[in-house]
Amino acid sequence: MTIIMDPTDERVPVTRQLTPRSGAITGTVALLDIAKPRGNVLLDRLEALLKDRAPGIEVKRYFKPTFTKPAPETLRQKIRSEADFVVEALAD
């Protein structure tokens, strides 16, 4: 059983289901640092784990100029064209 933790303040939680997955990650994973403090620490560790546990994938790093605004359209297009998955670092 998988438990999904939702940080939103919902008085009546929304029921969610995971999308079926193959169990394998293939292709390119984009790690997006949104410029919050220590986000890079989280992404460094995640990158090491991905490379260790899924050696067939490629990891690419991207950086957002500031966490206070959405990612620029050019950055979003670049990630979309170069990666199959995106992980965003939200840390303080």
PDB file of N, CA and C in Angstrom:
ATOM      1  N   MET A   1       0.851  -1.179   0.000  1.00  0.00           N
ATOM      2  CA  MET A   1       0.000   0.000   0.000  1.00  0.00           C
ATOM      3  C   MET A   1       0.889   1.232   0.000  1.00  0.00           C
ATOM      4  N   THR A   2       0.560   2.195  -0.837  1.00  0.00           N
ATOM      5  CA  THR A   2       1.302   3.443  -0.920  1.00  0.00           C
ATOM      6  C   THR A   2       0.467   4.555  -0.305  1.00  0.00           C
ATOM      7  N   ILE A   3       1.081   5.343   0.569  1.00  0.00           N
ATOM      8  CA  ILE A   3       0.406   6.481   1.181  1.00  0.00           C
ATOM      9  C   ILE A   3       0.975   7.742   0.563  1.00  0.00           C
ATOM     10  N   ILE A   4       0.097   8.611   0.069  1.00  0.00           N
ATOM     11  CA  ILE A   4       0.519   9.877  -0.520  1.00  0.00           C
ATOM     12  C   ILE A   4       0.223  10.974   0.490  1.00  0.00           C
ATOM     13  N   MET A   5       1.258  11.704   0.896  1.00  0.00           N
ATOM     14  CA  MET A   5       1.088  12.806   1.837  1.00  0.00           C
ATOM     15  C   MET A   5       0.826  14.081   1.043  1.00  0.00           C
ATOM     16  N   ASP A   6      -0.242  14.780   1.400  1.00  0.00           N
ATOM     17  CA  ASP A   6      -0.630  16.003   0.698  1.00  0.00           C
ATOM     18  C   ASP A   6      -0.519  17.169   1.670  1.00  0.00           C
ATOM     19  N   PRO A   7       0.367  18.140   1.397  1.00  0.00           N
ATOM     20  CA  PRO A   7       0.588  19.235   2.349  1.00  0.00           C
ATOM     21  C   PRO A   7      -0.494  20.317   2.344  1.00  0.00           C
ATOM     22  N   THR A   8      -1.495  20.184   1.502  1.00  0.00           N
ATOM     23  CA  THR A   8      -2.536  21.210   1.463  1.00  0.00           C
ATOM     24  C   THR A   8      -3.477  21.070   2.650  1.00  0.00           C
ATOM     25  N   ASP A   9      -4.153  22.134   2.990  1.00  0.00           N
ATOM     26  CA  ASP A   9      -5.061  22.148   4.136  1.00  0.00           C
ATOM     27  C   ASP A   9      -6.477  21.835   3.660  1.00  0.00           C
ATOM     28  N   GLU A  10      -6.715  20.574   3.398  1.00  0.00           N
ATOM     29  CA  GLU A  10      -8.040  20.156   2.961  1.00  0.00           C
ATOM     30  C   GLU A  10      -8.771  19.550   4.148  1.00  0.00           C
ATOM     31  N   ARG A  11      -9.918  20.067   4.457  1.00  0.00           N
ATOM     32  CA  ARG A  11     -10.710  19.532   5.570  1.00  0.00           C
ATOM     33  C   ARG A  11     -11.249  18.148   5.243  1.00  0.00           C
ATOM     34  N   VAL A  12     -11.554  17.940   3.962  1.00  0.00           N
ATOM     35  CA  VAL A  12     -11.965  16.625   3.490  1.00  0.00           C
ATOM     36  C   VAL A  12     -10.947  16.219   2.428  1.00  0.00           C
ATOM     37  N   PRO A  13     -10.029  15.307   2.766  1.00  0.00           N
ATOM     38  CA  PRO A  13      -8.965  14.953   1.817  1.00  0.00           C
ATOM     39  C   PRO A  13      -9.519  14.398   0.508  1.00  0.00           C
ATOM     40  N   VAL A  14      -8.828  14.731  -0.573  1.00  0.00           N
ATOM     41  CA  VAL A  14      -9.180  14.238  -1.892  1.00  0.00           C
ATOM     42  C   VAL A  14      -8.540  12.868  -2.072  1.00  0.00           C
ATOM     43  N   THR A  15      -9.304  11.905  -2.553  1.00  0.00           N
ATOM     44  CA  THR A  15      -8.760  10.576  -2.809  1.00  0.00           C
ATOM     45  C   THR A  15      -8.021  10.604  -4.135  1.00  0.00           C
ATOM     46  N   ARG A  16      -6.793  10.116  -4.111  1.00  0.00           N
ATOM     47  CA  ARG A  16      -5.974  10.094  -5.325  1.00  0.00           C
ATOM     48  C   ARG A  16      -5.433   8.697  -5.534  1.00  0.00           C
ATOM     49  N   GLN A  17      -5.229   8.339  -6.786  1.00  0.00           N
ATOM     50  CA  GLN A  17      -4.620   7.062  -7.112  1.00  0.00           C
ATOM     51  C   GLN A  17      -3.358   7.311  -7.917  1.00  0.00           C
ATOM     52  N   LEU A  18      -2.368   6.463  -7.705  1.00  0.00           N
ATOM     53  CA  LEU A  18      -1.150   6.548  -8.496  1.00  0.00           C
ATOM     54  C   LEU A  18      -1.415   6.030  -9.903  1.00  0.00           C
ATOM     55  N   THR A  19      -0.782   6.644 -10.875  1.00  0.00           N
ATOM     56  CA  THR A  19      -0.836   6.151 -12.245  1.00  0.00           C
ATOM     57  C   THR A  19      -0.026   4.867 -12.311  1.00  0.00           C
ATOM     58  N   PRO A  20      -0.498   3.849 -12.995  1.00  0.00           N
ATOM     59  CA  PRO A  20       0.284   2.604 -13.094  1.00  0.00           C
ATOM     60  C   PRO A  20       1.685   2.888 -13.644  1.00  0.00           C
ATOM     61  N   ARG A  21       2.652   2.226 -13.060  1.00  0.00           N
ATOM     62  CA  ARG A  21       4.040   2.420 -13.464  1.00  0.00           C
ATOM     63  C   ARG A  21       4.678   1.076 -13.789  1.00  0.00           C
ATOM     64  N   SER A  22       5.680   1.108 -14.642  1.00  0.00           N
ATOM     65  CA  SER A  22       6.360  -0.122 -15.044  1.00  0.00           C
ATOM     66  C   SER A  22       7.354  -0.600 -13.998  1.00  0.00           C
ATOM     67  N   GLY A  23       7.766   0.287 -13.101  1.00  0.00           N
ATOM     68  CA  GLY A  23       8.774  -0.073 -12.121  1.00  0.00           C
ATOM     69  C   GLY A  23      10.184   0.286 -12.555  1.00  0.00           C
ATOM     70  N   ALA A  24      10.337   0.780 -13.762  1.00  0.00           N
ATOM     71  CA  ALA A  24      11.659   1.138 -14.275  1.00  0.00           C
ATOM     72  C   ALA A  24      11.644   2.573 -14.779  1.00  0.00           C
ATOM     73  N   ILE A  25      12.741   3.268 -14.531  1.00  0.00           N
ATOM     74  CA  ILE A  25      12.897   4.614 -15.051  1.00  0.00           C
ATOM     75  C   ILE A  25      13.867   4.529 -16.216  1.00  0.00           C
ATOM     76  N   THR A  26      13.436   5.039 -17.357  1.00  0.00           N
ATOM     77  CA  THR A  26      14.310   5.064 -18.524  1.00  0.00           C
ATOM     78  C   THR A  26      14.252   6.462 -19.135  1.00  0.00           C
ATOM     79  N   GLY A  27      15.279   6.815 -19.857  1.00  0.00           N
ATOM     80  CA  GLY A  27      15.295   8.113 -20.513  1.00  0.00           C
ATOM     81  C   GLY A  27      16.078   9.133 -19.724  1.00  0.00           C
ATOM     82  N   THR A  28      15.633  10.380 -19.804  1.00  0.00           N
ATOM     83  CA  THR A  28      16.337  11.505 -19.190  1.00  0.00           C
ATOM     84  C   THR A  28      15.489  12.119 -18.086  1.00  0.00           C
ATOM     85  N   VAL A  29      16.103  12.312 -16.929  1.00  0.00           N
ATOM     86  CA  VAL A  29      15.438  12.943 -15.793  1.00  0.00           C
ATOM     87  C   VAL A  29      16.005  14.346 -15.627  1.00  0.00           C
ATOM     88  N   ALA A  30      15.131  15.345 -15.613  1.00  0.00           N
ATOM     89  CA  ALA A  30      15.534  16.724 -15.382  1.00  0.00           C
ATOM     90  C   ALA A  30      15.394  17.027 -13.900  1.00  0.00           C
ATOM     91  N   LEU A  31      16.441  17.549 -13.289  1.00  0.00           N
ATOM     92  CA  LEU A  31      16.385  17.995 -11.902  1.00  0.00           C
ATOM     93  C   LEU A  31      16.398  19.513 -11.930  1.00  0.00           C
ATOM     94  N   LEU A  32      15.297  20.117 -11.490  1.00  0.00           N
ATOM     95  CA  LEU A  32      15.137  21.568 -11.561  1.00  0.00           C
ATOM     96  C   LEU A  32      15.338  22.190 -10.192  1.00  0.00           C
ATOM     97  N   ASP A  33      16.382  22.968 -10.062  1.00  0.00           N
ATOM     98  CA  ASP A  33      16.667  23.726  -8.842  1.00  0.00           C
ATOM     99  C   ASP A  33      15.933  25.054  -8.967  1.00  0.00           C
ATOM    100  N   ILE A  34      14.972  25.305  -8.064  1.00  0.00           N
ATOM    101  CA  ILE A  34      14.169  26.525  -8.188  1.00  0.00           C
ATOM    102  C   ILE A  34      14.768  27.704  -7.424  1.00  0.00           C
ATOM    103  N   ALA A  35      15.999  27.570  -6.954  1.00  0.00           N
ATOM    104  CA  ALA A  35      16.747  28.647  -6.301  1.00  0.00           C
ATOM    105  C   ALA A  35      16.325  28.895  -4.858  1.00  0.00           C
ATOM    106  N   LYS A  36      15.721  27.897  -4.203  1.00  0.00           N
ATOM    107  CA  LYS A  36      15.451  28.017  -2.770  1.00  0.00           C
ATOM    108  C   LYS A  36      16.674  27.495  -2.029  1.00  0.00           C
ATOM    109  N   PRO A  37      16.932  28.015  -0.838  1.00  0.00           N
ATOM    110  CA  PRO A  37      18.087  27.541  -0.067  1.00  0.00           C
ATOM    111  C   PRO A  37      18.049  26.031   0.146  1.00  0.00           C
ATOM    112  N   ARG A  38      19.173  25.387  -0.052  1.00  0.00           N
ATOM    113  CA  ARG A  38      19.410  23.960   0.149  1.00  0.00           C
ATOM    114  C   ARG A  38      18.712  23.054  -0.864  1.00  0.00           C
ATOM    115  N   GLY A  39      18.039  23.628  -1.846  1.00  0.00           N
ATOM    116  CA  GLY A  39      17.451  22.803  -2.891  1.00  0.00           C
ATOM    117  C   GLY A  39      18.512  22.012  -3.631  1.00  0.00           C
ATOM    118  N   ASN A  40      19.677  22.625  -3.808  1.00  0.00           N
ATOM    119  CA  ASN A  40      20.774  21.940  -4.491  1.00  0.00           C
ATOM    120  C   ASN A  40      21.256  20.725  -3.703  1.00  0.00           C
ATOM    121  N   VAL A  41      21.186  20.798  -2.360  1.00  0.00           N
ATOM    122  CA  VAL A  41      21.600  19.669  -1.520  1.00  0.00           C
ATOM    123  C   VAL A  41      20.665  18.482  -1.764  1.00  0.00           C
ATOM    124  N   LEU A  42      19.366  18.761  -1.806  1.00  0.00           N
ATOM    125  CA  LEU A  42      18.385  17.722  -2.095  1.00  0.00           C
ATOM    126  C   LEU A  42      18.634  17.119  -3.476  1.00  0.00           C
ATOM    127  N   LEU A  43      18.838  17.960  -4.477  1.00  0.00           N
ATOM    128  CA  LEU A  43      19.038  17.463  -5.829  1.00  0.00           C
ATOM    129  C   LEU A  43      20.359  16.713  -5.987  1.00  0.00           C
ATOM    130  N   ASP A  44      21.407  17.137  -5.289  1.00  0.00           N
ATOM    131  CA  ASP A  44      22.679  16.414  -5.332  1.00  0.00           C
ATOM    132  C   ASP A  44      22.487  14.983  -4.839  1.00  0.00           C
ATOM    133  N   ARG A  45      21.780  14.844  -3.732  1.00  0.00           N
ATOM    134  CA  ARG A  45      21.537  13.511  -3.158  1.00  0.00           C
ATOM    135  C   ARG A  45      20.646  12.679  -4.081  1.00  0.00           C
ATOM    136  N   LEU A  46      19.607  13.290  -4.614  1.00  0.00           N
ATOM    137  CA  LEU A  46      18.715  12.578  -5.517  1.00  0.00           C
ATOM    138  C   LEU A  46      19.459  12.134  -6.774  1.00  0.00           C
ATOM    139  N   GLU A  47      20.310  13.002  -7.315  1.00  0.00           N
ATOM    140  CA  GLU A  47      21.081  12.641  -8.497  1.00  0.00           C
ATOM    141  C   GLU A  47      21.974  11.434  -8.216  1.00  0.00           C
ATOM    142  N   ALA A  48      22.628  11.437  -7.061  1.00  0.00           N
ATOM    143  CA  ALA A  48      23.493  10.306  -6.695  1.00  0.00           C
ATOM    144  C   ALA A  48      22.677   9.016  -6.578  1.00  0.00           C
ATOM    145  N   LEU A  49      21.511   9.093  -5.960  1.00  0.00           N
ATOM    146  CA  LEU A  49      20.654   7.907  -5.821  1.00  0.00           C
ATOM    147  C   LEU A  49      20.167   7.405  -7.176  1.00  0.00           C
ATOM    148  N   LEU A  50      19.750   8.317  -8.032  1.00  0.00           N
ATOM    149  CA  LEU A  50      19.287   7.916  -9.361  1.00  0.00           C
ATOM    150  C   LEU A  50      20.394   7.235 -10.148  1.00  0.00           C
ATOM    151  N   LYS A  51      21.584   7.802 -10.123  1.00  0.00           N
ATOM    152  CA  LYS A  51      22.700   7.216 -10.873  1.00  0.00           C
ATOM    153  C   LYS A  51      23.092   5.853 -10.316  1.00  0.00           C
ATOM    154  N   ASP A  52      22.941   5.683  -8.999  1.00  0.00           N
ATOM    155  CA  ASP A  52      23.283   4.420  -8.355  1.00  0.00           C
ATOM    156  C   ASP A  52      22.228   3.347  -8.621  1.00  0.00           C
ATOM    157  N   ARG A  53      20.969   3.721  -8.553  1.00  0.00           N
ATOM    158  CA  ARG A  53      19.877   2.734  -8.642  1.00  0.00           C
ATOM    159  C   ARG A  53      19.300   2.561 -10.036  1.00  0.00           C
ATOM    160  N   ALA A  54      19.537   3.503 -10.918  1.00  0.00           N
ATOM    161  CA  ALA A  54      19.025   3.414 -12.289  1.00  0.00           C
ATOM    162  C   ALA A  54      20.126   3.850 -13.244  1.00  0.00           C
ATOM    163  N   PRO A  55      21.173   3.030 -13.379  1.00  0.00           N
ATOM    164  CA  PRO A  55      22.338   3.451 -14.161  1.00  0.00           C
ATOM    165  C   PRO A  55      22.075   3.707 -15.636  1.00  0.00           C
ATOM    166  N   GLY A  56      20.956   3.267 -16.186  1.00  0.00           N
ATOM    167  CA  GLY A  56      20.667   3.475 -17.595  1.00  0.00           C
ATOM    168  C   GLY A  56      20.061   4.825 -17.915  1.00  0.00           C
ATOM    169  N   ILE A  57      19.784   5.638 -16.900  1.00  0.00           N
ATOM    170  CA  ILE A  57      19.157   6.934 -17.161  1.00  0.00           C
ATOM    171  C   ILE A  57      20.206   8.030 -17.281  1.00  0.00           C
ATOM    172  N   GLU A  58      19.786   9.121 -17.891  1.00  0.00           N
ATOM    173  CA  GLU A  58      20.623  10.315 -17.956  1.00  0.00           C
ATOM    174  C   GLU A  58      19.988  11.370 -17.051  1.00  0.00           C
ATOM    175  N   VAL A  59      20.811  12.056 -16.280  1.00  0.00           N
ATOM    176  CA  VAL A  59      20.324  13.117 -15.394  1.00  0.00           C
ATOM    177  C   VAL A  59      20.850  14.446 -15.902  1.00  0.00           C
ATOM    178  N   LYS A  60      19.950  15.417 -16.067  1.00  0.00           N
ATOM    179  CA  LYS A  60      20.345  16.768 -16.471  1.00  0.00           C
ATOM    180  C   LYS A  60      19.869  17.743 -15.405  1.00  0.00           C
ATOM    181  N   ARG A  61      20.705  18.735 -15.120  1.00  0.00           N
ATOM    182  CA  ARG A  61      20.370  19.736 -14.103  1.00  0.00           C
ATOM    183  C   ARG A  61      19.974  21.045 -14.770  1.00  0.00           C
ATOM    184  N   TYR A  62      18.959  21.683 -14.196  1.00  0.00           N
ATOM    185  CA  TYR A  62      18.471  22.974 -14.674  1.00  0.00           C
ATOM    186  C   TYR A  62      18.283  23.892 -13.474  1.00  0.00           C
ATOM    187  N   PHE A  63      18.406  25.191 -13.704  1.00  0.00           N
ATOM    188  CA  PHE A  63      18.311  26.163 -12.615  1.00  0.00           C
ATOM    189  C   PHE A  63      17.347  27.281 -12.984  1.00  0.00           C
ATOM    190  N   LYS A  64      16.423  27.539 -12.097  1.00  0.00           N
ATOM    191  CA  LYS A  64      15.487  28.641 -12.263  1.00  0.00           C
ATOM    192  C   LYS A  64      16.134  29.889 -11.667  1.00  0.00           C
ATOM    193  N   PRO A  65      15.961  31.060 -12.270  1.00  0.00           N
ATOM    194  CA  PRO A  65      16.621  32.264 -11.764  1.00  0.00           C
ATOM    195  C   PRO A  65      16.176  32.662 -10.354  1.00  0.00           C
ATOM    196  N   THR A  66      14.911  32.456 -10.019  1.00  0.00           N
ATOM    197  CA  THR A  66      14.409  32.842  -8.707  1.00  0.00           C
ATOM    198  C   THR A  66      13.201  31.983  -8.360  1.00  0.00           C
ATOM    199  N   PHE A  67      13.005  31.720  -7.071  1.00  0.00           N
ATOM    200  CA  PHE A  67      11.850  30.915  -6.678  1.00  0.00           C
ATOM    201  C   PHE A  67      10.576  31.741  -6.589  1.00  0.00           C
ATOM    202  N   THR A  68      10.691  33.063  -6.691  1.00  0.00           N
ATOM    203  CA  THR A  68       9.522  33.926  -6.518  1.00  0.00           C
ATOM    204  C   THR A  68       8.670  34.076  -7.772  1.00  0.00           C
ATOM    205  N   LYS A  69       9.175  33.592  -8.907  1.00  0.00           N
ATOM    206  CA  LYS A  69       8.438  33.712 -10.164  1.00  0.00           C
ATOM    207  C   LYS A  69       8.437  32.370 -10.880  1.00  0.00           C
ATOM    208  N   PRO A  70       7.451  32.137 -11.756  1.00  0.00           N
ATOM    209  CA  PRO A  70       7.465  30.900 -12.539  1.00  0.00           C
ATOM    210  C   PRO A  70       8.721  30.800 -13.405  1.00  0.00           C
ATOM    211  N   ALA A  71       9.058  29.595 -13.771  1.00  0.00           N
ATOM    212  CA  ALA A  71      10.211  29.381 -14.647  1.00  0.00           C
ATOM    213  C   ALA A  71       9.968  30.090 -15.974  1.00  0.00           C
ATOM    214  N   PRO A  72      10.997  30.718 -16.522  1.00  0.00           N
ATOM    215  CA  PRO A  72      10.841  31.372 -17.823  1.00  0.00           C
ATOM    216  C   PRO A  72      10.400  30.368 -18.894  1.00  0.00           C
ATOM    217  N   GLU A  73       9.642  30.850 -19.832  1.00  0.00           N
ATOM    218  CA  GLU A  73       9.133  29.984 -20.903  1.00  0.00           C
ATOM    219  C   GLU A  73      10.264  29.281 -21.641  1.00  0.00           C
ATOM    220  N   THR A  74      11.370  29.966 -21.864  1.00  0.00           N
ATOM    221  CA  THR A  74      12.496  29.344 -22.582  1.00  0.00           C
ATOM    222  C   THR A  74      13.059  28.158 -21.794  1.00  0.00           C
ATOM    223  N   LEU A  75      13.117  28.281 -20.474  1.00  0.00           N
ATOM    224  CA  LEU A  75      13.604  27.176 -19.636  1.00  0.00           C
ATOM    225  C   LEU A  75      12.622  26.007 -19.680  1.00  0.00           C
ATOM    226  N   ARG A  76      11.347  26.295 -19.596  1.00  0.00           N
ATOM    227  CA  ARG A  76      10.337  25.225 -19.656  1.00  0.00           C
ATOM    228  C   ARG A  76      10.393  24.493 -20.993  1.00  0.00           C
ATOM    229  N   GLN A  77      10.553  25.237 -22.077  1.00  0.00           N
ATOM    230  CA  GLN A  77      10.650  24.612 -23.399  1.00  0.00           C
ATOM    231  C   GLN A  77      11.905  23.748 -23.504  1.00  0.00           C
ATOM    232  N   LYS A  78      13.003  24.229 -22.957  1.00  0.00           N
ATOM    233  CA  LYS A  78      14.263  23.476 -22.996  1.00  0.00           C
ATOM    234  C   LYS A  78      14.117  22.157 -22.245  1.00  0.00           C
ATOM    235  N   ILE A  79      13.547  22.211 -21.040  1.00  0.00           N
ATOM    236  CA  ILE A  79      13.339  20.991 -20.261  1.00  0.00           C
ATOM    237  C   ILE A  79      12.414  20.045 -21.006  1.00  0.00           C
ATOM    238  N   ARG A  80      11.329  20.573 -21.546  1.00  0.00           N
ATOM    239  CA  ARG A  80      10.359  19.751 -22.276  1.00  0.00           C
ATOM    240  C   ARG A  80      11.024  19.022 -23.449  1.00  0.00           C
ATOM    241  N   SER A  81      11.931  19.698 -24.133  1.00  0.00           N
ATOM    242  CA  SER A  81      12.555  19.091 -25.309  1.00  0.00           C
ATOM    243  C   SER A  81      13.689  18.131 -24.952  1.00  0.00           C
ATOM    244  N   GLU A  82      14.254  18.259 -23.753  1.00  0.00           N
ATOM    245  CA  GLU A  82      15.435  17.465 -23.402  1.00  0.00           C
ATOM    246  C   GLU A  82      15.187  16.360 -22.388  1.00  0.00           C
ATOM    247  N   ALA A  83      14.021  16.336 -21.734  1.00  0.00           N
ATOM    248  CA  ALA A  83      13.825  15.394 -20.639  1.00  0.00           C
ATOM    249  C   ALA A  83      12.486  14.668 -20.731  1.00  0.00           C
ATOM    250  N   ASP A  84      12.458  13.483 -20.115  1.00  0.00           N
ATOM    251  CA  ASP A  84      11.239  12.674 -20.057  1.00  0.00           C
ATOM    252  C   ASP A  84      10.507  12.852 -18.724  1.00  0.00           C
ATOM    253  N   PHE A  85      11.244  13.212 -17.682  1.00  0.00           N
ATOM    254  CA  PHE A  85      10.702  13.397 -16.341  1.00  0.00           C
ATOM    255  C   PHE A  85      11.308  14.664 -15.733  1.00  0.00           C
ATOM    256  N   VAL A  86      10.595  15.275 -14.787  1.00  0.00           N
ATOM    257  CA  VAL A  86      11.118  16.451 -14.086  1.00  0.00           C
ATOM    258  C   VAL A  86      10.905  16.265 -12.585  1.00  0.00           C
ATOM    259  N   VAL A  87      11.963  16.552 -11.817  1.00  0.00           N
ATOM    260  CA  VAL A  87      11.868  16.621 -10.369  1.00  0.00           C
ATOM    261  C   VAL A  87      12.265  18.035  -9.991  1.00  0.00           C
ATOM    262  N   GLU A  88      11.400  18.695  -9.216  1.00  0.00           N
ATOM    263  CA  GLU A  88      11.643  20.071  -8.790  1.00  0.00           C
ATOM    264  C   GLU A  88      12.058  20.062  -7.326  1.00  0.00           C
ATOM    265  N   ALA A  89      13.130  20.783  -6.983  1.00  0.00           N
ATOM    266  CA  ALA A  89      13.598  20.833  -5.598  1.00  0.00           C
ATOM    267  C   ALA A  89      12.902  21.940  -4.841  1.00  0.00           C
ATOM    268  N   LEU A  90      12.153  21.568  -3.834  1.00  0.00           N
ATOM    269  CA  LEU A  90      11.486  22.521  -2.955  1.00  0.00           C
ATOM    270  C   LEU A  90      12.065  22.302  -1.561  1.00  0.00           C
ATOM    271  N   ALA A  91      13.028  23.078  -1.183  1.00  0.00           N
ATOM    272  CA  ALA A  91      13.664  22.888   0.124  1.00  0.00           C
ATOM    273  C   ALA A  91      14.046  24.219   0.728  1.00  0.00           C
ATOM    274  N   ASP A  92      14.212  24.236   2.013  1.00  0.00           N
ATOM    275  CA  ASP A  92      14.705  25.400   2.754  1.00  0.00           C
ATOM    276  C   ASP A  92      15.685  24.919   3.795  1.00  0.00           C
TER     277      ASP A  92
END
